[in-house]
């Protein structure tokens, strides 16, 4: 027992820093001691700390008690050294729990004492772990259960009556635990794994050790009413969170600067698992969407390095972004591709064994990979994690030499100063002729014949091995590297021809389109040249490529609304022509035995045709929606095409013709499926009538919409931007109070600000937020304002293009 007792003279809290300071009257002796603090609190409604979630059971409103501690909110629940490096064991007891409720924590129950209507529940002591991973959930639940081959009990908990919706996640979890045990060469370290669907949840999911919490949309899957995209989301989110049980929980980042070690790796490994469980999904092709989101954010001057300095607790939320997750995952994929799968896996296993139950920095991972591969990983990767941004590698042919030059890519069109060690891969006329080298300087020149064994043919020629000519050259094969490529006119024309002739893989077709779109935004290529490239994809059928083509088309339409509104109808006609071929091949009705990817593609194609104003598609979608209103189980409106129908309905809604809007609200109110509710919310604001948009936005602030779901309703088009901005200003006090210190408020800001294209709007936005400061949105606000400036410059550039109207008219009416 400790002999001396010291009582503080003063206890002071610093709310902004989340810190308690105890001042003692004398110097405390060094050595072990016990700090005893009495504390109390409430179940808050902020979706952080120890909070209250609500749900209905038999028509009666019920409360659920839930924790969400990452990044810095364990301190909201109990006094602790709330930093990832201060690991401890936790012995938890819950007292005063209503006896009919299920009470869960990280570890199995060791004792449960019932006293009338209440009970006391005690749990086994945890292994040593960080505070942000401690968890408690108390509520009324059903569950489904299974076990891994080595006896780990796995359960999925959900609201009473929804147990069947947990079966997909349960199956994925059991198989994923087995897969990771083998891949990391370390078994899952706890005796049980519980996964719980929480109705009110700010993030997608949280990897608490042994008690993973999820939004309902990320854990539950309804065979009748969930779409194929929902199935994929459940599988990848479960795989992501379970990867954290090793990367994050067993081995934890030393400080938030190294957050990417958690999130980047969990993102990358979740694709590894999904590919193993569902190879037919072609998930590594879909991974390109992750890298594109990372590239998009990292092309801003207001981006940040993967390893970002964090000096204050309020800064942490803002780095749970596309840099930590998506760029992090992408540079890992690039490194694995460079080192090779086997040495990479072996080195990871060594890293986890060495740092298990402790903390690590990025340099620790590089050291393990360097030792396992014999490659200078630290030197290679420092330029990718310690500086922000990435290069665009320009390539041209001159005198049968390939000339490469790297510059930092910025969406603003400015030239950055960064330089990287770039793993260049390239193919010449065939995937059989593949070469690679490290571009370690600003520029380099290679003799084509000497390096590739061929010469470059004239544009339009095919690869002819007999005369040693190569019809096309493609850099960054399979888009494995986190960089963009700019080709000279001759090489670009050859690649356009190769796309039309179907010589290139889906990943390379995707990469060429995405790089061209980014270069056009940065005014490095013309608007017309991008439209011409899009024409080469008229017979495209791959899901991931078409999904990106649709995203690019939406962006082009949005900027055209500001730059050349007189050409928007012609552009819509061009986009409709691009998409009709794959849409007609797929049709409206699912085919027996069709692929998961076709099911997802059908919905995206039909939604795009509706958005571009294709009247035949809109009419058919509304007809099917009306059949759905009469019979919710009709086969005419399967889940994969419901969003298309909902958007079609809203296209025809006006202040004087509200019936479609009212019908959608009725469906929203009747369903208890979270995925259906978010599907509807994401469609409502697509209405072109500003009066209806304002109604929708006000609806988001009612109790009918859960706090975490409101952001789905901010997806307004060009017609609704000004309405949404005015609404945000008028409701800022309420929005700031409700969502003010979490990442959700950053989505409110980016959704309502970043799509403008006027420098006058920049001034207005800056003045408003100067008068209404919020430290949680500092980085996001700067990024949103930068996007507006980029859009404004792009508009000016498009307006200066000569013969644009003639080119767009020709493309719109071209017969293929």
Foldseek 3Di string as FASTA:
>chain_A
DDDDDWDFPDWDADVQQLDIDGHTPDDDDDDDDDDDDDDDDDQDPQQEAWHWFWDDDPNDIDIKTKHQCPPHRVSVHPDDPQFFQPWDKDWDKDWFAQPQKDKDWQADWPDWADDPRGIMTTGDIDFTWGSRLTIMIIGHWDWDWDAAPVQAIEIEIEHPPQHVQQPLLRVLLNQLQVVCCVLLVHHLDGRYAYEYATCFHQDQWALRNRYIYGHLLQRTDDPFFHFLVSSVSVQLVSQLSVVCSQQDTFENARGLLQLLSNQLVSNLVSLVSCCVVPVLVVSLLVLVVLLLQLQVQLLAPLHWFLRHDDDGPLANQVSVGSRSHRLSNLVLLLVCVVQDVVLLSVLSSVLSVVRTSGYDHPVSSQVSSCVSRVDNSCQQCCLRGVGTFAWAWEWEADPQKIKIFIWGRHLQLDTDDGDHFWWKWKAFLAPVQIDTDTDRDRMDMGRCCVRRVAGEDFQPDHQDVVRRYTQAMAMCALVSTSYAYHYPPGRLSSVLNCLLVVRHDSSRLQRSLSNVLSCLLSVVDDPLVSLVSLVSCLQPQFLSSVLVSLVSLQLSLLLCVVQPVVCSLLSLLLVLSSLPNNQVVLDQAHDPPDGSSSLLRNQSSLLSNLLSPVPVSLVLLCVLVVVCLVPVSDRNCGNNNVLSSLLSLLQPDEPVRCPSVVSLVVVLVPDPNVVSVLSNLLRQQQHLYQVSNLVSLVVLPDPSHRPSSSLSNLQHGPSHLVSLVVVCLVCVVVLCVNNVSHCSVLSSQLSNQQSAQDPVSLVVLVVSCVVVPGSSNVSSNVSSSSSNPSSNVSSVSNNPDPPPSVSSNCSSPPDD
